[in-house]
């Protein structure tokens, strides 16, 4: 059973199903970037959690404790921002093995990320671990109108992505496959993998306010596009030549003879993938260096990748935790 099959199994359990009643304030549970709980009219809590496990999500040979602490917060902030939310409160649990001698650097990274987004650390738990360093953070945010992975989609609506895709994957391969002299040519990719930087909150707000649906791109571009289409019961045409791919990503693919599709679907880019109405020209034009239109929605359920003048099936592939 893989990660996504396990999530589907959990969703079917009675305790995970939303029970509709006047007392129930749970609007959205499993299956989105964050749970949505109604506080009062036009006010909702957003709750998300992410775990980072040593030798599954990171290696202490390729990331500093400071950057790991910072990144641990950012992966959760990305979820909240993608739902048109404002991050507020953080809870954290860490299992610390004896080999970690300077845990203060990790805490400093968490603290600096929290300061950047005005997040208050309100609690958590610390325990020891025999071998691996394990991190689990829960972030609570707030919104007056949540954006979901599903929406009312119309034929011709626009599929967009922010910034570039594949930069984190390029950083991963550079860190793990290249010598110290070669790594100097991939500084941006390595920096993005170790300490990802998100869109400005003001720009996120502009996009998520008008988007019909959207999500944080943490599991790979093709996965994100397919997920949005499946949730909204529509098809798409994704144009490969319009996908914004950083120079360093193209270079690492060429150097290591890796398919560019595998790198852009590595995940951990923590940018925004969404579907915008056809009438979004003003917002797109105002942010044309950041928001790129990479495809269109169709009223059929078939999903296609248009590459080299060929119409290929768009496969829902991305990062899978093993």
Protein backbone atom coordinates (compact mmCIF):
# COMPACT_ATOMS: atom_id res chain seq x y z
CA UNK A 1 0.00 0.00 0.00
CA UNK A 2 1.55 3.30 -1.07
CA UNK A 3 1.09 6.72 0.55
CA UNK A 4 -1.92 7.77 -1.52
CA UNK A 5 -3.69 4.41 -1.17
CA UNK A 6 -3.26 4.68 2.60
CA UNK A 7 -4.80 8.18 2.60
CA UNK A 8 -7.77 6.89 0.56
CA UNK A 9 -8.24 4.05 3.07
CA UNK A 10 -8.21 6.47 6.02
CA UNK A 11 -10.71 8.77 4.26
CA UNK A 12 -13.24 5.92 4.10
CA UNK A 13 -13.20 5.33 7.85
CA UNK A 14 -16.18 6.61 9.82
CA UNK A 15 -14.06 8.81 12.10
CA UNK A 16 -12.68 10.66 9.04
CA UNK A 17 -16.02 11.41 7.39
CA UNK A 18 -17.66 14.79 7.73
CA UNK A 19 -20.97 14.44 9.53
CA UNK A 20 -23.42 17.03 8.35
CA UNK A 21 -25.35 18.65 11.16
CA UNK A 22 -26.03 22.14 12.45
CA UNK A 23 -23.47 21.58 15.23
CA UNK A 24 -20.69 20.38 12.95
CA UNK A 25 -18.25 23.15 12.03
CA UNK A 26 -15.89 20.96 10.00
CA UNK A 27 -16.11 22.16 6.40
CA UNK A 28 -13.23 20.19 4.88
CA UNK A 29 -11.30 17.24 6.30
CA UNK A 30 -8.85 14.84 4.65
CA UNK A 31 -7.97 15.41 1.01
CA UNK A 32 -6.85 19.03 0.81
CA UNK A 33 -3.83 21.12 1.83
CA UNK A 34 -5.46 21.89 5.18
CA UNK A 35 -8.58 21.07 7.18
CA UNK A 36 -11.13 23.90 7.25
CA UNK A 37 -13.17 24.57 10.40
CA UNK A 38 -15.80 27.29 10.61
CA UNK A 39 -15.42 29.68 13.55
CA UNK A 40 -18.23 32.04 12.66
CA UNK A 41 -19.73 33.57 9.53
CA UNK A 42 -16.99 34.33 7.00
CA UNK A 43 -14.24 33.20 9.36
CA UNK A 44 -12.49 29.82 9.28
CA UNK A 45 -9.52 28.08 10.87
CA UNK A 46 -7.10 26.26 8.56
CA UNK A 47 -5.11 23.41 10.13
CA UNK A 48 -2.27 21.57 8.42
CA UNK A 49 0.48 19.23 9.54
CA UNK A 50 3.66 17.91 7.97
CA UNK A 51 6.25 15.39 9.12
CA UNK A 52 9.90 15.40 8.07
CA UNK A 53 11.79 12.20 8.80
CA UNK A 54 15.55 11.76 8.57
CA UNK A 55 16.64 9.47 5.69
CA UNK A 56 13.15 9.77 4.14
CA UNK A 57 12.75 13.53 3.60
CA UNK A 58 16.23 14.79 4.41
CA UNK A 59 19.80 13.81 5.17
CA UNK A 60 21.84 15.67 7.78
CA UNK A 61 24.77 15.32 5.37
CA UNK A 62 23.15 17.75 2.93
CA UNK A 63 21.27 20.27 5.10
CA UNK A 64 22.19 22.30 8.18
CA UNK A 65 20.08 22.11 11.32
CA UNK A 66 19.22 25.80 10.92
CA UNK A 67 17.91 25.36 7.36
CA UNK A 68 16.05 22.21 8.39
CA UNK A 69 14.24 24.12 11.14
CA UNK A 70 13.38 26.93 8.74
CA UNK A 71 12.18 24.53 6.02
CA UNK A 72 10.04 22.59 8.52
CA UNK A 73 7.96 25.73 9.07
CA UNK A 74 7.89 26.81 5.42
CA UNK A 75 6.38 23.53 4.16
CA UNK A 76 3.39 24.21 6.42
CA UNK A 77 3.17 27.92 5.61
CA UNK A 78 2.92 26.99 1.93
CA UNK A 79 -0.19 24.91 2.65
CA UNK A 80 -1.91 27.78 4.48
CA UNK A 81 -1.05 30.43 1.87
CA UNK A 82 -2.29 28.19 -0.95
CA UNK A 83 -5.70 28.14 0.74
CA UNK A 84 -5.97 31.93 0.83
CA UNK A 85 -5.03 31.90 4.49
CA UNK A 86 -2.93 33.74 7.03
CA UNK A 87 -0.62 31.57 9.20
CA UNK A 88 -1.01 32.22 12.94
CA UNK A 89 -0.03 29.50 15.43
CA UNK A 90 2.51 26.65 15.37
CA UNK A 91 2.76 23.45 17.40
CA UNK A 92 5.79 21.19 17.05
CA UNK A 93 6.93 17.74 18.10
CA UNK A 94 10.52 16.60 17.64
CA UNK A 95 12.27 13.30 18.40
CA UNK A 96 15.96 14.04 18.94
CA UNK A 97 18.66 11.33 18.61
CA UNK A 98 21.90 11.51 20.65
CA UNK A 99 23.96 12.46 17.56
CA UNK A 100 22.24 15.89 17.40
CA UNK A 101 24.60 18.08 19.43
CA UNK A 102 23.34 21.55 18.57
CA UNK A 103 19.56 21.45 18.58
CA UNK A 104 19.59 25.20 19.28
CA UNK A 105 20.42 25.82 15.60
CA UNK A 106 17.31 23.88 14.55
CA UNK A 107 15.15 25.90 16.98
CA UNK A 108 16.70 29.13 15.66
CA UNK A 109 15.66 28.16 12.12
CA UNK A 110 12.10 27.54 13.30
CA UNK A 111 12.07 30.84 15.18
CA UNK A 112 13.33 32.88 12.21
CA UNK A 113 10.72 31.38 9.86
CA UNK A 114 8.01 32.13 12.44
CA UNK A 115 9.22 35.72 12.77
CA UNK A 116 9.10 36.20 9.01
CA UNK A 117 5.41 35.20 8.88
CA UNK A 118 4.35 36.56 12.30
CA UNK A 119 3.60 33.06 13.58
CA UNK A 120 3.40 32.36 17.31
CA UNK A 121 4.84 29.08 18.60
CA UNK A 122 2.23 27.92 21.12
CA UNK A 123 3.35 24.43 22.19
CA UNK A 124 4.47 20.95 21.30
CA UNK A 125 6.49 18.02 22.60
CA UNK A 126 10.14 16.95 22.67
CA UNK A 127 11.33 13.39 23.17
CA UNK A 128 14.48 11.40 22.50
CA UNK A 129 15.01 9.07 19.54
CA UNK A 130 17.43 6.16 19.23
CA UNK A 131 18.57 6.84 15.67
CA UNK A 132 16.73 9.22 13.36
CA UNK A 133 15.70 12.85 13.79
CA UNK A 134 11.90 13.12 13.39
CA UNK A 135 9.96 16.37 13.06
CA UNK A 136 6.20 16.96 13.03
CA UNK A 137 4.78 20.48 12.92
CA UNK A 138 1.15 21.60 12.92
CA UNK A 139 0.24 25.08 11.72
CA UNK A 140 -3.06 26.85 12.34
CA UNK A 141 -4.13 29.65 10.05
CA UNK A 142 -7.19 31.75 9.37
CA UNK A 143 -9.17 32.85 6.32
CA UNK A 144 -12.44 34.55 5.45
CA UNK A 145 -12.79 32.43 2.31
CA UNK A 146 -10.90 29.17 1.83
CA UNK A 147 -9.65 28.02 -1.56
CA UNK A 148 -10.06 24.30 -2.24
CA UNK A 149 -8.64 21.73 -4.63
CA UNK A 150 -12.06 21.56 -6.29
CA UNK A 151 -14.21 24.31 -7.78
CA UNK A 152 -16.75 25.18 -10.44
CA UNK A 153 -14.54 24.88 -13.52
CA UNK A 154 -15.52 25.90 -17.06
CA UNK A 155 -14.17 24.92 -20.45
CA UNK A 156 -11.22 27.20 -21.33
CA UNK A 157 -10.29 28.18 -17.76
CA UNK A 158 -6.56 28.69 -17.28
CA UNK A 159 -4.08 26.42 -15.49
CA UNK A 160 -1.33 28.44 -13.82
CA UNK A 161 1.85 27.93 -11.82
CA UNK A 162 3.92 30.46 -9.88
CA UNK A 163 7.66 30.95 -10.37
CA UNK A 164 9.49 27.90 -11.74
CA UNK A 165 9.18 24.14 -11.22
CA UNK A 166 11.89 21.56 -10.63
CA UNK A 167 14.38 23.83 -8.86
CA UNK A 168 14.21 21.86 -5.60
CA UNK A 169 14.66 18.58 -7.48
CA UNK A 170 17.68 20.04 -9.27
CA UNK A 171 19.10 21.03 -5.87
CA UNK A 172 18.57 17.51 -4.53
CA UNK A 173 20.45 15.93 -7.44
CA UNK A 174 23.22 18.52 -7.26
CA UNK A 175 23.74 17.85 -3.55
CA UNK A 176 23.73 14.08 -3.92
CA UNK A 177 25.42 13.49 -7.29
CA UNK A 178 27.99 16.25 -7.86
CA UNK A 179 31.41 17.06 -6.43
CA UNK A 180 32.05 20.31 -4.54
CA UNK A 181 33.36 22.12 -7.65
CA UNK A 182 30.34 21.16 -9.79
CA UNK A 183 27.94 22.18 -7.02
CA UNK A 184 29.08 25.81 -7.35
CA UNK A 185 27.20 26.02 -10.67
CA UNK A 186 23.90 25.12 -8.98
CA UNK A 187 23.74 27.59 -6.09
CA UNK A 188 20.12 28.66 -6.69
CA UNK A 189 18.85 25.09 -6.93
CA UNK A 190 20.69 23.99 -3.80
CA UNK A 191 19.49 27.05 -1.87
CA UNK A 192 15.87 26.41 -2.91
CA UNK A 193 16.06 22.76 -1.87
CA UNK A 194 17.61 23.52 1.51
CA UNK A 195 15.76 26.74 2.38
CA UNK A 196 12.77 27.30 0.07
CA UNK A 197 11.48 30.84 -0.41
CA UNK A 198 7.76 31.41 -0.99
CA UNK A 199 5.84 34.01 -2.97
CA UNK A 200 5.15 37.26 -1.15
CA UNK A 201 1.94 36.98 0.85
CA UNK A 202 0.47 39.97 -0.99
CA UNK A 203 0.89 38.22 -4.35
CA UNK A 204 -0.48 34.95 -2.94
CA UNK A 205 -3.56 36.88 -1.81
CA UNK A 206 -4.14 38.36 -5.26
CA UNK A 207 -3.98 34.94 -6.92
CA UNK A 208 -5.89 32.84 -4.38
CA UNK A 209 -8.62 35.50 -4.22
CA UNK A 210 -9.53 35.00 -7.90
CA UNK A 211 -8.55 31.33 -8.36
CA UNK A 212 -11.37 28.79 -8.77
CA UNK A 213 -9.26 26.09 -7.14
CA UNK A 214 -5.64 25.56 -6.25
CA UNK A 215 -3.03 23.80 -4.16
CA UNK A 216 0.50 23.89 -2.87
CA UNK A 217 2.91 22.18 -5.29
CA UNK A 218 4.81 19.90 -2.92
CA UNK A 219 4.40 16.53 -4.68
CA UNK A 220 5.27 17.46 -8.28
CA UNK A 221 3.68 19.48 -11.08
CA UNK A 222 1.92 16.68 -12.98
CA UNK A 223 0.48 15.33 -9.73
CA UNK A 224 -0.85 18.78 -8.78
CA UNK A 225 -2.48 19.46 -12.16
CA UNK A 226 -4.08 15.99 -12.29
CA UNK A 227 -5.30 16.33 -8.70
CA UNK A 228 -7.04 19.65 -9.40
CA UNK A 229 -8.69 18.25 -12.54
CA UNK A 230 -9.85 15.08 -10.78
CA UNK A 231 -11.25 16.99 -7.81
CA UNK A 232 -13.07 19.39 -10.16
CA UNK A 233 -14.14 16.62 -12.57
CA UNK A 234 -12.62 18.16 -15.67
CA UNK A 235 -9.93 17.41 -18.23
CA UNK A 236 -6.99 19.51 -19.38
CA UNK A 237 -4.32 20.21 -21.93
CA UNK A 238 -0.95 20.98 -20.35
CA UNK A 239 1.56 22.60 -22.71
CA UNK A 240 5.06 21.42 -21.93
CA UNK A 241 6.79 24.31 -23.71
CA UNK A 242 4.99 26.80 -21.46
CA UNK A 243 6.15 25.24 -18.18
CA UNK A 244 8.64 27.65 -16.52
CA UNK A 245 11.79 25.60 -15.91
CA UNK A 246 14.85 27.27 -14.38
CA UNK A 247 18.15 27.22 -16.26
CA UNK A 248 19.83 25.21 -13.46
CA UNK A 249 17.11 22.57 -13.65
CA UNK A 250 17.68 22.11 -17.39
CA UNK A 251 21.44 22.02 -16.84
CA UNK A 252 21.34 19.31 -14.15
CA UNK A 253 19.05 17.16 -16.31
CA UNK A 254 21.52 17.42 -19.18
CA UNK A 255 24.58 16.86 -16.97
CA UNK A 256 23.23 13.78 -15.19
CA UNK A 257 21.16 12.47 -18.12
CA UNK A 258 17.91 12.63 -16.14
CA UNK A 259 14.55 13.17 -17.83
CA UNK A 260 13.42 16.74 -17.25
CA UNK A 261 9.92 15.41 -16.42
CA UNK A 262 11.37 13.48 -13.48
CA UNK A 263 12.95 16.62 -12.04
CA UNK A 264 9.89 18.88 -12.43
CA UNK A 265 7.84 16.15 -10.74
CA UNK A 266 10.29 15.70 -7.87
CA UNK A 267 8.17 17.99 -5.68
CA UNK A 268 9.18 20.30 -2.81
CA UNK A 269 8.93 23.41 -5.00
CA UNK A 270 6.31 24.88 -2.61
CA UNK A 271 4.80 27.16 -5.22
CA UNK A 272 1.18 27.56 -6.27
CA UNK A 273 -0.68 25.56 -8.92
CA UNK A 274 -4.23 26.65 -9.65
CA UNK A 275 -7.05 27.15 -12.12
CA UNK A 276 -8.01 30.75 -12.92
CA UNK A 277 -11.10 32.06 -14.72
CA UNK A 278 -10.67 33.02 -18.37
CA UNK A 279 -11.18 36.65 -17.37
CA UNK A 280 -8.00 36.88 -15.23
CA UNK A 281 -5.96 38.91 -17.72
CA UNK A 282 -5.37 41.92 -15.41
CA UNK A 283 -3.96 39.86 -12.53
CA UNK A 284 -1.87 37.74 -14.91
CA UNK A 285 -0.48 40.81 -16.70
CA UNK A 286 0.35 42.54 -13.40
CA UNK A 287 2.29 39.47 -12.24
CA UNK A 288 3.52 38.14 -15.59
CA UNK A 289 7.03 37.46 -14.28
CA UNK A 290 5.62 35.27 -11.50
CA UNK A 291 2.38 33.70 -12.78
CA UNK A 292 2.64 31.54 -15.88
CA UNK A 293 -0.28 30.04 -17.79
CA UNK A 294 0.71 26.48 -18.68
CA UNK A 295 -2.55 24.94 -19.88
CA UNK A 296 -6.30 25.08 -20.27
CA UNK A 297 -9.23 23.18 -18.82
CA UNK A 298 -11.46 21.08 -21.07
CA UNK A 299 -14.97 19.80 -20.40
CA UNK A 300 -13.85 16.22 -21.00
CA UNK A 301 -12.17 14.18 -18.28
CA UNK A 302 -9.15 13.25 -20.42
CA UNK A 303 -5.90 14.86 -19.32
CA UNK A 304 -3.24 15.50 -21.95
CA UNK A 305 0.35 16.70 -22.11
CA UNK A 306 1.14 18.53 -25.35
CA UNK A 307 4.84 18.05 -26.07
CA UNK A 308 6.78 18.19 -29.35
CA UNK A 309 3.50 18.53 -31.27
CA UNK A 310 2.29 15.24 -29.76
CA UNK A 311 -0.76 14.70 -27.55
CA UNK A 312 0.30 12.40 -24.72
CA UNK A 313 -1.60 11.13 -21.69
CA UNK A 314 -0.81 13.28 -18.66
CA UNK A 315 0.20 10.87 -15.92
CA UNK A 316 -0.39 11.69 -12.27
CA UNK A 317 3.17 11.23 -11.15
CA UNK A 318 5.06 12.97 -8.42
CA UNK A 319 6.94 12.41 -5.19
CA UNK A 320 5.84 9.42 -3.14
CA UNK A 321 6.93 8.89 0.47
CA UNK A 322 8.28 5.37 0.96
